[in-house]
Amino acid sequence: MTTVPLAIDDTAADVLFRAGRTAYSFTDEQVSDEQLAQIYELMRHAPTAMNSQPLRVVFVRYPCGQSAPAPSPGGRKPPEG
């Protein structure tokens, strides 16, 4: 089998594919509007299951101690905890 070189360098490939993991815990560290904008720009054209599951994103800011956000417009309840 012939190996085709990636169009990105090894460091980027490590971050994206080899070492990338899903986050299952979070911190109370603030995320700036600029960071949210950068994240949105990176992911807004990402594939979503052959485009059959359109991506919907809601950014919510609420103070510590406030209850969780209301259920999403899709009817699913937010995770408890």
N, C-alpha and C. Protein backbone atom coordinates (compact mmCIF):
# COMPACT_ATOMS: atom_id res chain seq x y z
N MET A 1 0.84 -1.17 0.00
CA MET A 1 0.00 0.00 0.00
C MET A 1 0.89 1.24 0.00
N THR A 2 0.59 2.18 -0.87
CA THR A 2 1.35 3.42 -0.97
C THR A 2 0.81 4.44 0.01
N THR A 3 1.70 5.09 0.75
CA THR A 3 1.30 6.12 1.70
C THR A 3 1.35 7.48 1.01
N VAL A 4 0.23 8.18 1.06
CA VAL A 4 0.15 9.52 0.47
C VAL A 4 0.41 10.52 1.59
N PRO A 5 1.33 11.46 1.40
CA PRO A 5 1.60 12.43 2.47
C PRO A 5 0.39 13.33 2.73
N LEU A 6 0.22 13.69 3.98
CA LEU A 6 -0.87 14.59 4.36
C LEU A 6 -0.57 16.01 3.88
N ALA A 7 -1.63 16.77 3.69
CA ALA A 7 -1.47 18.17 3.28
C ALA A 7 -1.17 19.07 4.47
N ILE A 8 -1.13 18.49 5.68
CA ILE A 8 -0.79 19.26 6.88
C ILE A 8 0.45 18.65 7.51
N ASP A 9 1.10 19.41 8.37
CA ASP A 9 2.33 18.89 8.98
C ASP A 9 1.99 17.89 10.10
N ASP A 10 3.00 17.17 10.57
CA ASP A 10 2.80 16.14 11.57
C ASP A 10 2.24 16.68 12.89
N THR A 11 2.65 17.88 13.27
CA THR A 11 2.14 18.45 14.52
C THR A 11 0.64 18.66 14.44
N ALA A 12 0.16 19.22 13.34
CA ALA A 12 -1.28 19.42 13.17
C ALA A 12 -2.02 18.09 13.10
N ALA A 13 -1.43 17.11 12.41
CA ALA A 13 -2.05 15.79 12.32
C ALA A 13 -2.15 15.14 13.69
N ASP A 14 -1.13 15.30 14.52
CA ASP A 14 -1.17 14.76 15.88
C ASP A 14 -2.32 15.37 16.67
N VAL A 15 -2.44 16.68 16.62
CA VAL A 15 -3.49 17.38 17.38
C VAL A 15 -4.87 16.97 16.89
N LEU A 16 -5.05 16.92 15.59
CA LEU A 16 -6.37 16.66 15.02
C LEU A 16 -6.78 15.20 15.04
N PHE A 17 -5.85 14.29 14.72
CA PHE A 17 -6.25 12.91 14.50
C PHE A 17 -5.66 11.90 15.48
N ARG A 18 -4.43 12.07 15.86
CA ARG A 18 -3.79 11.06 16.69
C ARG A 18 -4.00 11.29 18.17
N ALA A 19 -4.02 12.52 18.60
CA ALA A 19 -4.15 12.81 20.03
C ALA A 19 -5.49 13.46 20.38
N GLY A 20 -6.32 13.75 19.40
CA GLY A 20 -7.60 14.40 19.65
C GLY A 20 -8.56 13.50 20.41
N ARG A 21 -9.21 14.05 21.39
CA ARG A 21 -10.16 13.30 22.21
C ARG A 21 -11.37 14.17 22.51
N THR A 22 -12.47 13.53 22.83
CA THR A 22 -13.67 14.24 23.23
C THR A 22 -13.55 14.65 24.69
N ALA A 23 -13.94 15.86 24.99
CA ALA A 23 -13.91 16.35 26.38
C ALA A 23 -15.15 15.88 27.11
N TYR A 24 -14.96 15.29 28.28
CA TYR A 24 -16.08 14.85 29.10
C TYR A 24 -16.16 15.62 30.41
N SER A 25 -15.28 16.57 30.58
CA SER A 25 -15.33 17.42 31.77
C SER A 25 -14.94 18.83 31.36
N PHE A 26 -15.32 19.77 32.17
CA PHE A 26 -15.11 21.17 31.84
C PHE A 26 -14.59 21.93 33.05
N THR A 27 -14.01 23.09 32.80
CA THR A 27 -13.52 23.95 33.87
C THR A 27 -14.37 25.21 33.92
N ASP A 28 -14.09 26.05 34.89
CA ASP A 28 -14.82 27.32 34.99
C ASP A 28 -14.06 28.45 34.29
N GLU A 29 -13.07 28.09 33.49
CA GLU A 29 -12.28 29.08 32.76
C GLU A 29 -13.15 29.81 31.73
N GLN A 30 -13.04 31.12 31.70
CA GLN A 30 -13.83 31.94 30.78
C GLN A 30 -13.37 31.73 29.34
N VAL A 31 -14.31 31.79 28.41
CA VAL A 31 -14.02 31.71 26.98
C VAL A 31 -14.43 33.05 26.38
N SER A 32 -13.50 33.71 25.72
CA SER A 32 -13.78 35.05 25.19
C SER A 32 -14.63 34.98 23.93
N ASP A 33 -15.24 36.10 23.59
CA ASP A 33 -16.01 36.18 22.35
C ASP A 33 -15.12 35.91 21.14
N GLU A 34 -13.88 36.36 21.21
CA GLU A 34 -12.94 36.14 20.11
C GLU A 34 -12.64 34.65 19.95
N GLN A 35 -12.47 33.94 21.06
CA GLN A 35 -12.22 32.50 21.00
C GLN A 35 -13.44 31.77 20.42
N LEU A 36 -14.63 32.15 20.84
CA LEU A 36 -15.84 31.54 20.30
C LEU A 36 -15.94 31.78 18.80
N ALA A 37 -15.62 33.00 18.36
CA ALA A 37 -15.66 33.31 16.93
C ALA A 37 -14.66 32.46 16.16
N GLN A 38 -13.46 32.27 16.71
CA GLN A 38 -12.45 31.45 16.05
C GLN A 38 -12.89 29.99 15.96
N ILE A 39 -13.46 29.48 17.04
CA ILE A 39 -13.95 28.10 17.05
C ILE A 39 -15.05 27.93 16.02
N TYR A 40 -15.98 28.88 16.00
CA TYR A 40 -17.09 28.81 15.05
C TYR A 40 -16.58 28.81 13.61
N GLU A 41 -15.62 29.67 13.31
CA GLU A 41 -15.08 29.75 11.95
C GLU A 41 -14.41 28.44 11.54
N LEU A 42 -13.74 27.77 12.49
CA LEU A 42 -13.08 26.50 12.19
C LEU A 42 -14.07 25.37 11.92
N MET A 43 -15.20 25.39 12.60
CA MET A 43 -16.11 24.25 12.52
C MET A 43 -17.33 24.47 11.65
N ARG A 44 -17.57 25.66 11.18
CA ARG A 44 -18.85 25.92 10.50
C ARG A 44 -19.01 25.21 9.17
N HIS A 45 -17.92 24.80 8.55
CA HIS A 45 -18.01 24.06 7.31
C HIS A 45 -17.60 22.60 7.45
N ALA A 46 -17.49 22.13 8.68
CA ALA A 46 -17.11 20.74 8.92
C ALA A 46 -18.23 19.81 8.46
N PRO A 47 -17.87 18.64 7.97
CA PRO A 47 -18.90 17.69 7.54
C PRO A 47 -19.69 17.18 8.74
N THR A 48 -20.97 16.93 8.52
CA THR A 48 -21.83 16.42 9.59
C THR A 48 -22.63 15.24 9.07
N ALA A 49 -22.07 14.05 9.13
CA ALA A 49 -22.73 12.82 8.72
C ALA A 49 -23.35 12.95 7.34
N MET A 50 -22.52 13.22 6.36
CA MET A 50 -22.95 13.36 4.97
C MET A 50 -24.00 14.46 4.82
N ASN A 51 -23.86 15.50 5.63
CA ASN A 51 -24.76 16.65 5.63
C ASN A 51 -26.20 16.29 5.95
N SER A 52 -26.44 15.14 6.53
CA SER A 52 -27.79 14.76 6.92
C SER A 52 -28.10 15.17 8.35
N GLN A 53 -27.09 15.64 9.07
CA GLN A 53 -27.28 16.12 10.43
C GLN A 53 -26.69 17.52 10.52
N PRO A 54 -27.44 18.53 10.11
CA PRO A 54 -26.91 19.89 10.12
C PRO A 54 -26.45 20.31 11.51
N LEU A 55 -25.36 21.03 11.55
CA LEU A 55 -24.80 21.50 12.81
C LEU A 55 -25.59 22.69 13.33
N ARG A 56 -26.00 22.62 14.58
CA ARG A 56 -26.67 23.75 15.23
C ARG A 56 -25.89 24.05 16.50
N VAL A 57 -25.51 25.29 16.67
CA VAL A 57 -24.69 25.70 17.81
C VAL A 57 -25.38 26.83 18.54
N VAL A 58 -25.42 26.73 19.86
CA VAL A 58 -25.95 27.81 20.70
C VAL A 58 -24.88 28.11 21.74
N PHE A 59 -24.42 29.34 21.77
CA PHE A 59 -23.47 29.77 22.79
C PHE A 59 -24.28 30.38 23.93
N VAL A 60 -24.08 29.87 25.14
CA VAL A 60 -24.84 30.34 26.31
C VAL A 60 -23.85 30.79 27.36
N ARG A 61 -24.11 31.96 27.89
CA ARG A 61 -23.30 32.44 29.03
C ARG A 61 -24.26 32.66 30.20
N TYR A 62 -23.93 32.06 31.33
CA TYR A 62 -24.73 32.29 32.51
C TYR A 62 -23.83 32.23 33.73
N PRO A 63 -24.15 33.01 34.75
CA PRO A 63 -23.28 33.07 35.93
C PRO A 63 -23.28 31.76 36.71
N CYS A 64 -22.19 31.54 37.43
CA CYS A 64 -22.09 30.34 38.26
C CYS A 64 -23.25 30.31 39.25
N GLY A 65 -23.78 29.16 39.49
CA GLY A 65 -24.87 29.01 40.43
C GLY A 65 -26.24 29.13 39.78
N GLN A 66 -26.31 29.67 38.58
CA GLN A 66 -27.60 29.76 37.90
C GLN A 66 -27.97 28.39 37.36
N SER A 67 -29.25 28.13 37.26
CA SER A 67 -29.67 26.81 36.77
C SER A 67 -29.28 26.62 35.31
N ALA A 68 -29.32 25.39 34.88
CA ALA A 68 -28.96 25.05 33.50
C ALA A 68 -29.90 25.71 32.52
N PRO A 69 -29.46 25.87 31.28
CA PRO A 69 -30.32 26.48 30.26
C PRO A 69 -31.58 25.66 30.02
N ALA A 70 -32.58 26.30 29.47
CA ALA A 70 -33.84 25.63 29.13
C ALA A 70 -33.59 24.60 28.03
N PRO A 71 -34.51 23.67 27.85
CA PRO A 71 -34.33 22.69 26.77
C PRO A 71 -34.17 23.36 25.42
N SER A 72 -33.44 22.69 24.56
CA SER A 72 -33.18 23.23 23.23
C SER A 72 -34.46 23.26 22.40
N PRO A 73 -34.48 24.06 21.32
CA PRO A 73 -35.65 24.08 20.46
C PRO A 73 -36.00 22.71 19.88
N GLY A 74 -35.01 21.82 19.80
CA GLY A 74 -35.26 20.47 19.29
C GLY A 74 -35.99 19.59 20.27
N GLY A 75 -36.19 20.06 21.50
CA GLY A 75 -36.96 19.33 22.49
C GLY A 75 -36.15 18.46 23.43
N ARG A 76 -34.83 18.34 23.19
CA ARG A 76 -34.03 17.52 24.10
C ARG A 76 -33.65 18.33 25.32
N LYS A 77 -33.66 17.66 26.47
CA LYS A 77 -33.28 18.34 27.70
C LYS A 77 -31.75 18.44 27.78
N PRO A 78 -31.22 19.54 28.37
CA PRO A 78 -29.78 19.62 28.56
C PRO A 78 -29.32 18.59 29.59
N PRO A 79 -28.06 18.16 29.52
CA PRO A 79 -27.57 17.19 30.49
C PRO A 79 -27.59 17.76 31.90
N GLU A 80 -27.90 16.92 32.86
CA GLU A 80 -27.90 17.37 34.25
C GLU A 80 -26.53 17.12 34.86
N GLY A 81 -26.24 17.95 35.85
CA GLY A 81 -25.02 17.63 36.53
C GLY A 81 -24.11 18.74 36.71
